[in-house]
């Protein structure tokens, strides 16, 4: 599997999967940058972020368009894409998303996740 395919597969899981996916693929600490009021902002522990992945707030019907990958150094990769998705409450959501991953001995881990709603 290519690096791009691997990272986008992991990324999709953050939208659609639950706590186990978060615990497996988040770095020890993760920087979140969400512009929506009431969302988590700043640096958070893996456990705190994973605890937010409950069935009642999962997304559905995800589309990731205009995918890009930049790997400035061997153990770091940044992806970006336009997400079009449905919130758990049925409301549509669209954003430009960027995520940075660090390669650790156990695999690629999400270290930064940022949304810019469109």
PDB file of N, CA and C in Angstrom:
ATOM      1  N   UNK A   1       0.853  -1.168   0.000  1.00  0.00           N
ATOM      2  CA  UNK A   1       0.000   0.000   0.000  1.00  0.00           C
ATOM      3  C   UNK A   1       0.903   1.237   0.000  1.00  0.00           C
ATOM      4  N   UNK A   2       0.575   2.216  -0.809  1.00  0.00           N
ATOM      5  CA  UNK A   2       1.354   3.453  -0.852  1.00  0.00           C
ATOM      6  C   UNK A   2       1.159   4.244   0.438  1.00  0.00           C
ATOM      7  N   UNK A   3       2.095   5.156   0.706  1.00  0.00           N
ATOM      8  CA  UNK A   3       1.969   6.007   1.888  1.00  0.00           C
ATOM      9  C   UNK A   3       0.681   6.817   1.822  1.00  0.00           C
ATOM     10  N   UNK A   4       0.377   7.377   0.652  1.00  0.00           N
ATOM     11  CA  UNK A   4      -0.847   8.170   0.509  1.00  0.00           C
ATOM     12  C   UNK A   4      -2.081   7.336   0.834  1.00  0.00           C
ATOM     13  N   UNK A   5      -2.169   6.135   0.297  1.00  0.00           N
ATOM     14  CA  UNK A   5      -3.321   5.277   0.561  1.00  0.00           C
ATOM     15  C   UNK A   5      -3.401   4.914   2.045  1.00  0.00           C
ATOM     16  N   UNK A   6      -2.262   4.614   2.649  1.00  0.00           N
ATOM     17  CA  UNK A   6      -2.234   4.255   4.069  1.00  0.00           C
ATOM     18  C   UNK A   6      -2.733   5.403   4.944  1.00  0.00           C
ATOM     19  N   UNK A   7      -2.227   6.611   4.697  1.00  0.00           N
ATOM     20  CA  UNK A   7      -2.625   7.747   5.535  1.00  0.00           C
ATOM     21  C   UNK A   7      -4.081   8.126   5.334  1.00  0.00           C
ATOM     22  N   UNK A   8      -4.569   8.083   4.103  1.00  0.00           N
ATOM     23  CA  UNK A   8      -5.977   8.410   3.887  1.00  0.00           C
ATOM     24  C   UNK A   8      -6.898   7.340   4.456  1.00  0.00           C
ATOM     25  N   UNK A   9      -6.446   6.106   4.499  1.00  0.00           N
ATOM     26  CA  UNK A   9      -7.210   5.042   5.140  1.00  0.00           C
ATOM     27  C   UNK A   9      -7.301   5.296   6.650  1.00  0.00           C
ATOM     28  N   UNK A  10      -6.180   5.643   7.264  1.00  0.00           N
ATOM     29  CA  UNK A  10      -6.181   5.993   8.691  1.00  0.00           C
ATOM     30  C   UNK A  10      -7.087   7.201   8.930  1.00  0.00           C
ATOM     31  N   UNK A  11      -6.949   8.215   8.091  1.00  0.00           N
ATOM     32  CA  UNK A  11      -7.725   9.445   8.232  1.00  0.00           C
ATOM     33  C   UNK A  11      -9.225   9.171   8.160  1.00  0.00           C
ATOM     34  N   UNK A  12      -9.630   8.349   7.208  1.00  0.00           N
ATOM     35  CA  UNK A  12     -11.048   8.010   7.085  1.00  0.00           C
ATOM     36  C   UNK A  12     -11.574   7.396   8.375  1.00  0.00           C
ATOM     37  N   UNK A  13     -10.750   6.585   9.013  1.00  0.00           N
ATOM     38  CA  UNK A  13     -11.155   5.972  10.278  1.00  0.00           C
ATOM     39  C   UNK A  13     -11.430   6.979  11.376  1.00  0.00           C
ATOM     40  N   UNK A  14     -10.726   8.117  11.350  1.00  0.00           N
ATOM     41  CA  UNK A  14     -10.998   9.151  12.359  1.00  0.00           C
ATOM     42  C   UNK A  14     -12.389   9.747  12.170  1.00  0.00           C
ATOM     43  N   UNK A  15     -12.894   9.772  10.967  1.00  0.00           N
ATOM     44  CA  UNK A  15     -14.248  10.266  10.707  1.00  0.00           C
ATOM     45  C   UNK A  15     -15.307   9.212  11.029  1.00  0.00           C
ATOM     46  N   UNK A  16     -15.032   7.964  10.671  1.00  0.00           N
ATOM     47  CA  UNK A  16     -16.096   6.958  10.653  1.00  0.00           C
ATOM     48  C   UNK A  16     -15.983   5.884  11.723  1.00  0.00           C
ATOM     49  N   UNK A  17     -14.809   5.684  12.301  1.00  0.00           N
ATOM     50  CA  UNK A  17     -14.622   4.602  13.281  1.00  0.00           C
ATOM     51  C   UNK A  17     -14.730   5.137  14.704  1.00  0.00           C
ATOM     52  N   UNK A  18     -14.488   4.269  15.644  1.00  0.00           N
ATOM     53  CA  UNK A  18     -14.671   4.635  17.042  1.00  0.00           C
ATOM     54  C   UNK A  18     -13.391   4.763  17.833  1.00  0.00           C
ATOM     55  N   UNK A  19     -13.525   4.671  19.128  1.00  0.00           N
ATOM     56  CA  UNK A  19     -12.452   4.917  20.083  1.00  0.00           C
ATOM     57  C   UNK A  19     -11.222   4.041  19.833  1.00  0.00           C
ATOM     58  N   UNK A  20     -11.427   2.780  19.475  1.00  0.00           N
ATOM     59  CA  UNK A  20     -10.286   1.883  19.248  1.00  0.00           C
ATOM     60  C   UNK A  20      -9.379   2.391  18.130  1.00  0.00           C
ATOM     61  N   UNK A  21      -9.980   2.905  17.065  1.00  0.00           N
ATOM     62  CA  UNK A  21      -9.189   3.462  15.957  1.00  0.00           C
ATOM     63  C   UNK A  21      -8.377   4.661  16.446  1.00  0.00           C
ATOM     64  N   UNK A  22      -8.991   5.519  17.231  1.00  0.00           N
ATOM     65  CA  UNK A  22      -8.296   6.688  17.762  1.00  0.00           C
ATOM     66  C   UNK A  22      -7.117   6.265  18.634  1.00  0.00           C
ATOM     67  N   UNK A  23      -7.347   5.316  19.534  1.00  0.00           N
ATOM     68  CA  UNK A  23      -6.280   4.864  20.428  1.00  0.00           C
ATOM     69  C   UNK A  23      -5.119   4.244  19.653  1.00  0.00           C
ATOM     70  N   UNK A  24      -5.412   3.580  18.563  1.00  0.00           N
ATOM     71  CA  UNK A  24      -4.373   2.927  17.757  1.00  0.00           C
ATOM     72  C   UNK A  24      -3.590   3.923  16.904  1.00  0.00           C
ATOM     73  N   UNK A  25      -4.238   5.005  16.419  1.00  0.00           N
ATOM     74  CA  UNK A  25      -3.620   5.851  15.404  1.00  0.00           C
ATOM     75  C   UNK A  25      -3.288   7.280  15.842  1.00  0.00           C
ATOM     76  N   UNK A  26      -3.652   7.685  17.053  1.00  0.00           N
ATOM     77  CA  UNK A  26      -3.265   9.004  17.548  1.00  0.00           C
ATOM     78  C   UNK A  26      -1.884   8.951  18.178  1.00  0.00           C
ATOM     79  N   UNK A  27      -1.125  10.032  18.035  1.00  0.00           N
ATOM     80  CA  UNK A  27       0.142  10.143  18.748  1.00  0.00           C
ATOM     81  C   UNK A  27      -0.170  10.324  20.236  1.00  0.00           C
ATOM     82  N   UNK A  28       0.831  10.271  21.081  1.00  0.00           N
ATOM     83  CA  UNK A  28       0.631  10.393  22.525  1.00  0.00           C
ATOM     84  C   UNK A  28      -0.093  11.696  22.863  1.00  0.00           C
ATOM     85  N   UNK A  29       0.301  12.777  22.181  1.00  0.00           N
ATOM     86  CA  UNK A  29      -0.379  14.081  22.319  1.00  0.00           C
ATOM     87  C   UNK A  29      -0.668  14.581  20.915  1.00  0.00           C
ATOM     88  N   UNK A  30      -1.803  15.220  20.742  1.00  0.00           N
ATOM     89  CA  UNK A  30      -2.255  15.645  19.422  1.00  0.00           C
ATOM     90  C   UNK A  30      -2.750  17.088  19.492  1.00  0.00           C
ATOM     91  N   UNK A  31      -2.349  17.893  18.516  1.00  0.00           N
ATOM     92  CA  UNK A  31      -2.807  19.277  18.419  1.00  0.00           C
ATOM     93  C   UNK A  31      -4.042  19.312  17.532  1.00  0.00           C
ATOM     94  N   UNK A  32      -5.150  19.819  18.071  1.00  0.00           N
ATOM     95  CA  UNK A  32      -6.400  19.947  17.330  1.00  0.00           C
ATOM     96  C   UNK A  32      -6.701  21.414  17.108  1.00  0.00           C
ATOM     97  N   UNK A  33      -7.126  21.746  15.897  1.00  0.00           N
ATOM     98  CA  UNK A  33      -7.474  23.133  15.561  1.00  0.00           C
ATOM     99  C   UNK A  33      -8.822  23.134  14.855  1.00  0.00           C
ATOM    100  N   UNK A  34      -9.887  23.270  15.646  1.00  0.00           N
ATOM    101  CA  UNK A  34     -11.247  23.311  15.128  1.00  0.00           C
ATOM    102  C   UNK A  34     -11.825  24.708  15.334  1.00  0.00           C
ATOM    103  N   UNK A  35     -12.403  25.318  14.299  1.00  0.00           N
ATOM    104  CA  UNK A  35     -12.954  26.658  14.455  1.00  0.00           C
ATOM    105  C   UNK A  35     -14.346  26.687  15.091  1.00  0.00           C
ATOM    106  N   UNK A  36     -15.027  25.557  15.176  1.00  0.00           N
ATOM    107  CA  UNK A  36     -16.383  25.539  15.706  1.00  0.00           C
ATOM    108  C   UNK A  36     -16.381  25.716  17.221  1.00  0.00           C
ATOM    109  N   UNK A  37     -17.303  26.523  17.698  1.00  0.00           N
ATOM    110  CA  UNK A  37     -17.444  26.727  19.145  1.00  0.00           C
ATOM    111  C   UNK A  37     -17.799  25.400  19.806  1.00  0.00           C
ATOM    112  N   UNK A  38     -17.213  25.151  20.948  1.00  0.00           N
ATOM    113  CA  UNK A  38     -17.510  23.951  21.707  1.00  0.00           C
ATOM    114  C   UNK A  38     -16.670  22.746  21.331  1.00  0.00           C
ATOM    115  N   UNK A  39     -15.865  22.853  20.277  1.00  0.00           N
ATOM    116  CA  UNK A  39     -14.997  21.743  19.871  1.00  0.00           C
ATOM    117  C   UNK A  39     -13.698  21.800  20.662  1.00  0.00           C
ATOM    118  N   UNK A  40     -12.968  20.703  20.676  1.00  0.00           N
ATOM    119  CA  UNK A  40     -11.670  20.654  21.351  1.00  0.00           C
ATOM    120  C   UNK A  40     -10.664  21.478  20.554  1.00  0.00           C
ATOM    121  N   UNK A  41      -9.879  22.270  21.260  1.00  0.00           N
ATOM    122  CA  UNK A  41      -8.804  23.062  20.652  1.00  0.00           C
ATOM    123  C   UNK A  41      -7.543  22.843  21.473  1.00  0.00           C
ATOM    124  N   UNK A  42      -6.390  22.968  20.840  1.00  0.00           N
ATOM    125  CA  UNK A  42      -5.133  22.882  21.564  1.00  0.00           C
ATOM    126  C   UNK A  42      -4.578  21.473  21.600  1.00  0.00           C
ATOM    127  N   UNK A  43      -3.638  21.265  22.505  1.00  0.00           N
ATOM    128  CA  UNK A  43      -2.958  19.980  22.628  1.00  0.00           C
ATOM    129  C   UNK A  43      -3.713  19.109  23.635  1.00  0.00           C
ATOM    130  N   UNK A  44      -3.985  17.871  23.209  1.00  0.00           N
ATOM    131  CA  UNK A  44      -4.748  16.949  24.048  1.00  0.00           C
ATOM    132  C   UNK A  44      -4.080  15.586  24.054  1.00  0.00           C
ATOM    133  N   UNK A  45      -4.340  14.818  25.081  1.00  0.00           N
ATOM    134  CA  UNK A  45      -3.805  13.458  25.166  1.00  0.00           C
ATOM    135  C   UNK A  45      -4.589  12.536  24.236  1.00  0.00           C
ATOM    136  N   UNK A  46      -3.937  11.446  23.876  1.00  0.00           N
ATOM    137  CA  UNK A  46      -4.580  10.420  23.052  1.00  0.00           C
ATOM    138  C   UNK A  46      -5.890   9.965  23.698  1.00  0.00           C
ATOM    139  N   UNK A  47      -5.874   9.699  24.988  1.00  0.00           N
ATOM    140  CA  UNK A  47      -7.059   9.193  25.682  1.00  0.00           C
ATOM    141  C   UNK A  47      -8.205  10.195  25.660  1.00  0.00           C
ATOM    142  N   UNK A  48      -7.892  11.487  25.867  1.00  0.00           N
ATOM    143  CA  UNK A  48      -8.942  12.508  25.866  1.00  0.00           C
ATOM    144  C   UNK A  48      -9.598  12.635  24.492  1.00  0.00           C
ATOM    145  N   UNK A  49      -8.787  12.604  23.436  1.00  0.00           N
ATOM    146  CA  UNK A  49      -9.349  12.714  22.085  1.00  0.00           C
ATOM    147  C   UNK A  49     -10.132  11.455  21.746  1.00  0.00           C
ATOM    148  N   UNK A  50      -9.598  10.293  22.067  1.00  0.00           N
ATOM    149  CA  UNK A  50     -10.283   9.033  21.767  1.00  0.00           C
ATOM    150  C   UNK A  50     -11.633   8.951  22.463  1.00  0.00           C
ATOM    151  N   UNK A  51     -11.741   9.516  23.645  1.00  0.00           N
ATOM    152  CA  UNK A  51     -12.999   9.471  24.395  1.00  0.00           C
ATOM    153  C   UNK A  51     -14.118  10.226  23.686  1.00  0.00           C
ATOM    154  N   UNK A  52     -13.788  11.100  22.741  1.00  0.00           N
ATOM    155  CA  UNK A  52     -14.821  11.849  22.004  1.00  0.00           C
ATOM    156  C   UNK A  52     -15.434  11.031  20.874  1.00  0.00           C
ATOM    157  N   UNK A  53     -14.841   9.908  20.526  1.00  0.00           N
ATOM    158  CA  UNK A  53     -15.302   9.103  19.387  1.00  0.00           C
ATOM    159  C   UNK A  53     -16.410   8.146  19.800  1.00  0.00           C
ATOM    160  N   UNK A  54     -17.522   8.717  20.210  1.00  0.00           N
ATOM    161  CA  UNK A  54     -18.658   7.925  20.664  1.00  0.00           C
ATOM    162  C   UNK A  54     -19.627   7.681  19.503  1.00  0.00           C
ATOM    163  N   UNK A  55     -20.420   6.623  19.576  1.00  0.00           N
ATOM    164  CA  UNK A  55     -21.357   6.330  18.484  1.00  0.00           C
ATOM    165  C   UNK A  55     -22.314   7.482  18.169  1.00  0.00           C
ATOM    166  N   UNK A  56     -22.708   8.254  19.167  1.00  0.00           N
ATOM    167  CA  UNK A  56     -23.678   9.329  18.925  1.00  0.00           C
ATOM    168  C   UNK A  56     -23.080  10.537  18.199  1.00  0.00           C
ATOM    169  N   UNK A  57     -21.751  10.637  18.079  1.00  0.00           N
ATOM    170  CA  UNK A  57     -21.193  11.781  17.345  1.00  0.00           C
ATOM    171  C   UNK A  57     -20.357  11.359  16.140  1.00  0.00           C
ATOM    172  N   UNK A  58     -20.570  10.162  15.632  1.00  0.00           N
ATOM    173  CA  UNK A  58     -19.836   9.701  14.451  1.00  0.00           C
ATOM    174  C   UNK A  58     -20.447  10.309  13.183  1.00  0.00           C
ATOM    175  N   UNK A  59     -19.643  10.413  12.187  1.00  0.00           N
ATOM    176  CA  UNK A  59     -20.033  10.986  10.904  1.00  0.00           C
ATOM    177  C   UNK A  59     -20.470   9.866   9.962  1.00  0.00           C
ATOM    178  N   UNK A  60     -21.052  10.258   8.806  1.00  0.00           N
ATOM    179  CA  UNK A  60     -21.405   9.260   7.790  1.00  0.00           C
ATOM    180  C   UNK A  60     -21.333   9.900   6.406  1.00  0.00           C
ATOM    181  N   UNK A  61     -21.314   9.068   5.394  1.00  0.00           N
ATOM    182  CA  UNK A  61     -21.303   9.507   3.993  1.00  0.00           C
ATOM    183  C   UNK A  61     -20.129  10.434   3.693  1.00  0.00           C
ATOM    184  N   UNK A  62     -18.948  10.043   4.110  1.00  0.00           N
ATOM    185  CA  UNK A  62     -17.745  10.854   3.919  1.00  0.00           C
ATOM    186  C   UNK A  62     -17.252  10.792   2.480  1.00  0.00           C
ATOM    187  N   UNK A  63     -16.901  11.960   1.955  1.00  0.00           N
ATOM    188  CA  UNK A  63     -16.213  12.076   0.672  1.00  0.00           C
ATOM    189  C   UNK A  63     -14.977  12.927   0.902  1.00  0.00           C
ATOM    190  N   UNK A  64     -13.810  12.432   0.481  1.00  0.00           N
ATOM    191  CA  UNK A  64     -12.554  13.182   0.591  1.00  0.00           C
ATOM    192  C   UNK A  64     -12.066  13.480  -0.831  1.00  0.00           C
ATOM    193  N   UNK A  65     -12.088  14.752  -1.203  1.00  0.00           N
ATOM    194  CA  UNK A  65     -11.721  15.177  -2.559  1.00  0.00           C
ATOM    195  C   UNK A  65     -10.457  16.023  -2.526  1.00  0.00           C
ATOM    196  N   UNK A  66      -9.875  16.204  -3.698  1.00  0.00           N
ATOM    197  CA  UNK A  66      -8.687  17.068  -3.840  1.00  0.00           C
ATOM    198  C   UNK A  66      -7.599  16.679  -2.840  1.00  0.00           C
ATOM    199  N   UNK A  67      -7.279  15.411  -2.800  1.00  0.00           N
ATOM    200  CA  UNK A  67      -6.295  14.883  -1.848  1.00  0.00           C
ATOM    201  C   UNK A  67      -4.874  15.314  -2.218  1.00  0.00           C
ATOM    202  N   UNK A  68      -4.118  15.694  -1.201  1.00  0.00           N
ATOM    203  CA  UNK A  68      -2.708  16.047  -1.374  1.00  0.00           C
ATOM    204  C   UNK A  68      -1.890  15.398  -0.268  1.00  0.00           C
ATOM    205  N   UNK A  69      -0.638  15.096  -0.594  1.00  0.00           N
ATOM    206  CA  UNK A  69       0.300  14.537   0.366  1.00  0.00           C
ATOM    207  C   UNK A  69       1.624  15.258   0.208  1.00  0.00           C
ATOM    208  N   UNK A  70       2.214  15.655   1.329  1.00  0.00           N
ATOM    209  CA  UNK A  70       3.552  16.242   1.362  1.00  0.00           C
ATOM    210  C   UNK A  70       4.337  15.494   2.424  1.00  0.00           C
ATOM    211  N   UNK A  71       5.533  15.025   2.045  1.00  0.00           N
ATOM    212  CA  UNK A  71       6.399  14.345   3.005  1.00  0.00           C
ATOM    213  C   UNK A  71       7.723  15.100   3.055  1.00  0.00           C
ATOM    214  N   UNK A  72       7.805  16.161   3.893  1.00  0.00           N
ATOM    215  CA  UNK A  72       9.007  16.993   3.918  1.00  0.00           C
ATOM    216  C   UNK A  72      10.244  16.291   4.474  1.00  0.00           C
ATOM    217  N   UNK A  73      10.034  15.341   5.359  1.00  0.00           N
ATOM    218  CA  UNK A  73      11.122  14.512   5.898  1.00  0.00           C
ATOM    219  C   UNK A  73      10.596  13.079   6.017  1.00  0.00           C
ATOM    220  N   UNK A  74      11.507  12.144   6.140  1.00  0.00           N
ATOM    221  CA  UNK A  74      11.145  10.731   6.099  1.00  0.00           C
ATOM    222  C   UNK A  74      10.105  10.324   7.137  1.00  0.00           C
ATOM    223  N   UNK A  75      10.184  10.867   8.338  1.00  0.00           N
ATOM    224  CA  UNK A  75       9.305  10.429   9.421  1.00  0.00           C
ATOM    225  C   UNK A  75       8.138  11.373   9.696  1.00  0.00           C
ATOM    226  N   UNK A  76       7.807  12.207   8.714  1.00  0.00           N
ATOM    227  CA  UNK A  76       6.680  13.124   8.857  1.00  0.00           C
ATOM    228  C   UNK A  76       5.952  13.223   7.518  1.00  0.00           C
ATOM    229  N   UNK A  77       4.632  13.263   7.576  1.00  0.00           N
ATOM    230  CA  UNK A  77       3.830  13.424   6.366  1.00  0.00           C
ATOM    231  C   UNK A  77       2.611  14.276   6.695  1.00  0.00           C
ATOM    232  N   UNK A  78       2.218  15.094   5.740  1.00  0.00           N
ATOM    233  CA  UNK A  78       1.066  15.978   5.897  1.00  0.00           C
ATOM    234  C   UNK A  78       0.102  15.686   4.754  1.00  0.00           C
ATOM    235  N   UNK A  79      -1.169  15.499   5.094  1.00  0.00           N
ATOM    236  CA  UNK A  79      -2.182  15.333   4.069  1.00  0.00           C
ATOM    237  C   UNK A  79      -3.184  16.483   4.170  1.00  0.00           C
ATOM    238  N   UNK A  80      -3.842  16.752   3.049  1.00  0.00           N
ATOM    239  CA  UNK A  80      -4.871  17.776   3.011  1.00  0.00           C
ATOM    240  C   UNK A  80      -5.924  17.326   2.010  1.00  0.00           C
ATOM    241  N   UNK A  81      -7.168  17.725   2.260  1.00  0.00           N
ATOM    242  CA  UNK A  81      -8.270  17.320   1.388  1.00  0.00           C
ATOM    243  C   UNK A  81      -9.506  18.152   1.711  1.00  0.00           C
ATOM    244  N   UNK A  82     -10.485  18.068   0.828  1.00  0.00           N
ATOM    245  CA  UNK A  82     -11.789  18.676   1.100  1.00  0.00           C
ATOM    246  C   UNK A  82     -12.715  17.563   1.564  1.00  0.00           C
ATOM    247  N   UNK A  83     -13.244  17.716   2.757  1.00  0.00           N
ATOM    248  CA  UNK A  83     -14.176  16.733   3.319  1.00  0.00           C
ATOM    249  C   UNK A  83     -15.604  17.219   3.118  1.00  0.00           C
ATOM    250  N   UNK A  84     -16.429  16.332   2.619  1.00  0.00           N
ATOM    251  CA  UNK A  84     -17.872  16.548   2.574  1.00  0.00           C
ATOM    252  C   UNK A  84     -18.474  15.350   3.282  1.00  0.00           C
ATOM    253  N   UNK A  85     -19.239  15.636   4.328  1.00  0.00           N
ATOM    254  CA  UNK A  85     -19.681  14.568   5.215  1.00  0.00           C
ATOM    255  C   UNK A  85     -20.985  14.973   5.892  1.00  0.00           C
ATOM    256  N   UNK A  86     -21.674  14.000   6.430  1.00  0.00           N
ATOM    257  CA  UNK A  86     -22.916  14.246   7.153  1.00  0.00           C
ATOM    258  C   UNK A  86     -22.653  14.036   8.639  1.00  0.00           C
ATOM    259  N   UNK A  87     -23.044  15.017   9.452  1.00  0.00           N
ATOM    260  CA  UNK A  87     -22.919  14.877  10.900  1.00  0.00           C
ATOM    261  C   UNK A  87     -23.897  13.816  11.413  1.00  0.00           C
ATOM    262  N   UNK A  88     -23.673  13.345  12.597  1.00  0.00           N
ATOM    263  CA  UNK A  88     -24.555  12.345  13.204  1.00  0.00           C
ATOM    264  C   UNK A  88     -25.993  12.848  13.302  1.00  0.00           C
ATOM    265  N   UNK A  89     -26.169  14.168  13.447  1.00  0.00           N
ATOM    266  CA  UNK A  89     -27.520  14.744  13.549  1.00  0.00           C
ATOM    267  C   UNK A  89     -28.160  15.002  12.189  1.00  0.00           C
ATOM    268  N   UNK A  90     -27.475  14.604  11.097  1.00  0.00           N
ATOM    269  CA  UNK A  90     -28.032  14.766   9.758  1.00  0.00           C
ATOM    270  C   UNK A  90     -27.655  16.050   9.053  1.00  0.00           C
ATOM    271  N   UNK A  91     -26.913  16.926   9.704  1.00  0.00           N
ATOM    272  CA  UNK A  91     -26.499  18.191   9.103  1.00  0.00           C
ATOM    273  C   UNK A  91     -25.265  17.977   8.225  1.00  0.00           C
ATOM    274  N   UNK A  92     -25.269  18.536   6.999  1.00  0.00           N
ATOM    275  CA  UNK A  92     -24.087  18.419   6.146  1.00  0.00           C
ATOM    276  C   UNK A  92     -22.955  19.303   6.667  1.00  0.00           C
ATOM    277  N   UNK A  93     -21.730  18.892   6.397  1.00  0.00           N
ATOM    278  CA  UNK A  93     -20.549  19.624   6.823  1.00  0.00           C
ATOM    279  C   UNK A  93     -19.509  19.522   5.717  1.00  0.00           C
ATOM    280  N   UNK A  94     -18.846  20.642   5.444  1.00  0.00           N
ATOM    281  CA  UNK A  94     -17.803  20.687   4.426  1.00  0.00           C
ATOM    282  C   UNK A  94     -16.635  21.496   4.967  1.00  0.00           C
ATOM    283  N   UNK A  95     -15.415  20.996   4.776  1.00  0.00           N
ATOM    284  CA  UNK A  95     -14.235  21.686   5.284  1.00  0.00           C
ATOM    285  C   UNK A  95     -13.009  21.289   4.477  1.00  0.00           C
ATOM    286  N   UNK A  96     -12.036  22.183   4.473  1.00  0.00           N
ATOM    287  CA  UNK A  96     -10.701  21.845   4.023  1.00  0.00           C
ATOM    288  C   UNK A  96      -9.979  21.354   5.276  1.00  0.00           C
ATOM    289  N   UNK A  97      -9.364  20.179   5.179  1.00  0.00           N
ATOM    290  CA  UNK A  97      -8.781  19.532   6.345  1.00  0.00           C
ATOM    291  C   UNK A  97      -7.294  19.280   6.096  1.00  0.00           C
ATOM    292  N   UNK A  98      -6.488  19.476   7.119  1.00  0.00           N
ATOM    293  CA  UNK A  98      -5.071  19.121   7.079  1.00  0.00           C
ATOM    294  C   UNK A  98      -4.762  18.265   8.301  1.00  0.00           C
ATOM    295  N   UNK A  99      -3.946  17.250   8.086  1.00  0.00           N
ATOM    296  CA  UNK A  99      -3.515  16.383   9.173  1.00  0.00           C
ATOM    297  C   UNK A  99      -2.035  16.089   8.996  1.00  0.00           C
ATOM    298  N   UNK A 100      -1.301  16.126  10.091  1.00  0.00           N
ATOM    299  CA  UNK A 100       0.125  15.807  10.072  1.00  0.00           C
ATOM    300  C   UNK A 100       0.346  14.514  10.854  1.00  0.00           C
ATOM    301  N   UNK A 101       1.142  13.647  10.272  1.00  0.00           N
ATOM    302  CA  UNK A 101       1.439  12.349  10.863  1.00  0.00           C
ATOM    303  C   UNK A 101       2.927  12.227  11.129  1.00  0.00           C
ATOM    304  N   UNK A 102       3.265  11.593  12.249  1.00  0.00           N
ATOM    305  CA  UNK A 102       4.654  11.284  12.605  1.00  0.00           C
ATOM    306  C   UNK A 102       4.823   9.769  12.557  1.00  0.00           C
ATOM    307  N   UNK A 103       5.913   9.316  11.931  1.00  0.00           N
ATOM    308  CA  UNK A 103       6.180   7.873  11.901  1.00  0.00           C
ATOM    309  C   UNK A 103       6.845   7.474  13.213  1.00  0.00           C
ATOM    310  N   UNK A 104       6.209   6.582  13.915  1.00  0.00           N
ATOM    311  CA  UNK A 104       6.714   6.030  15.169  1.00  0.00           C
ATOM    312  C   UNK A 104       7.077   4.560  14.939  1.00  0.00           C
ATOM    313  N   UNK A 105       7.781   3.916  15.873  1.00  0.00           N
ATOM    314  CA  UNK A 105       8.129   2.498  15.681  1.00  0.00           C
ATOM    315  C   UNK A 105       6.917   1.604  15.406  1.00  0.00           C
ATOM    316  N   UNK A 106       5.756   1.954  15.971  1.00  0.00           N
ATOM    317  CA  UNK A 106       4.554   1.139  15.786  1.00  0.00           C
ATOM    318  C   UNK A 106       3.687   1.601  14.611  1.00  0.00           C
ATOM    319  N   UNK A 107       4.143   2.598  13.845  1.00  0.00           N
ATOM    320  CA  UNK A 107       3.408   3.042  12.659  1.00  0.00           C
ATOM    321  C   UNK A 107       3.154   4.542  12.653  1.00  0.00           C
ATOM    322  N   UNK A 108       2.394   4.997  11.658  1.00  0.00           N
ATOM    323  CA  UNK A 108       2.073   6.417  11.505  1.00  0.00           C
ATOM    324  C   UNK A 108       1.034   6.833  12.528  1.00  0.00           C
ATOM    325  N   UNK A 109       1.301   7.962  13.214  1.00  0.00           N
ATOM    326  CA  UNK A 109       0.411   8.470  14.260  1.00  0.00           C
ATOM    327  C   UNK A 109       0.013   9.913  13.942  1.00  0.00           C
ATOM    328  N   UNK A 110      -1.258  10.228  14.126  1.00  0.00           N
ATOM    329  CA  UNK A 110      -1.763  11.581  13.909  1.00  0.00           C
ATOM    330  C   UNK A 110      -1.264  12.511  15.013  1.00  0.00           C
ATOM    331  N   UNK A 111      -0.592  13.589  14.612  1.00  0.00           N
ATOM    332  CA  UNK A 111      -0.054  14.557  15.572  1.00  0.00           C
ATOM    333  C   UNK A 111      -0.761  15.906  15.499  1.00  0.00           C
ATOM    334  N   UNK A 112      -1.392  16.213  14.357  1.00  0.00           N
ATOM    335  CA  UNK A 112      -2.092  17.492  14.179  1.00  0.00           C
ATOM    336  C   UNK A 112      -3.284  17.260  13.274  1.00  0.00           C
ATOM    337  N   UNK A 113      -4.413  17.877  13.623  1.00  0.00           N
ATOM    338  CA  UNK A 113      -5.629  17.786  12.801  1.00  0.00           C
ATOM    339  C   UNK A 113      -6.303  19.146  12.835  1.00  0.00           C
ATOM    340  N   UNK A 114      -6.595  19.704  11.641  1.00  0.00           N
ATOM    341  CA  UNK A 114      -7.115  21.069  11.525  1.00  0.00           C
ATOM    342  C   UNK A 114      -8.237  21.119  10.494  1.00  0.00           C
ATOM    343  N   UNK A 115      -9.307  21.868  10.804  1.00  0.00           N
ATOM    344  CA  UNK A 115     -10.432  22.064   9.883  1.00  0.00           C
ATOM    345  C   UNK A 115     -10.599  23.547   9.557  1.00  0.00           C
ATOM    346  N   UNK A 116     -10.893  23.840   8.304  1.00  0.00           N
ATOM    347  CA  UNK A 116     -11.324  25.167   7.850  1.00  0.00           C
ATOM    348  C   UNK A 116     -12.640  24.973   7.112  1.00  0.00           C
ATOM    349  N   UNK A 117     -13.785  25.230   7.757  1.00  0.00           N
ATOM    350  CA  UNK A 117     -15.073  25.015   7.090  1.00  0.00           C
ATOM    351  C   UNK A 117     -15.180  25.840   5.810  1.00  0.00           C
ATOM    352  N   UNK A 118     -15.852  25.242   4.825  1.00  0.00           N
ATOM    353  CA  UNK A 118     -16.077  25.949   3.563  1.00  0.00           C
ATOM    354  C   UNK A 118     -17.470  26.513   3.515  1.00  0.00           C
TER     355      UNK A 118
END
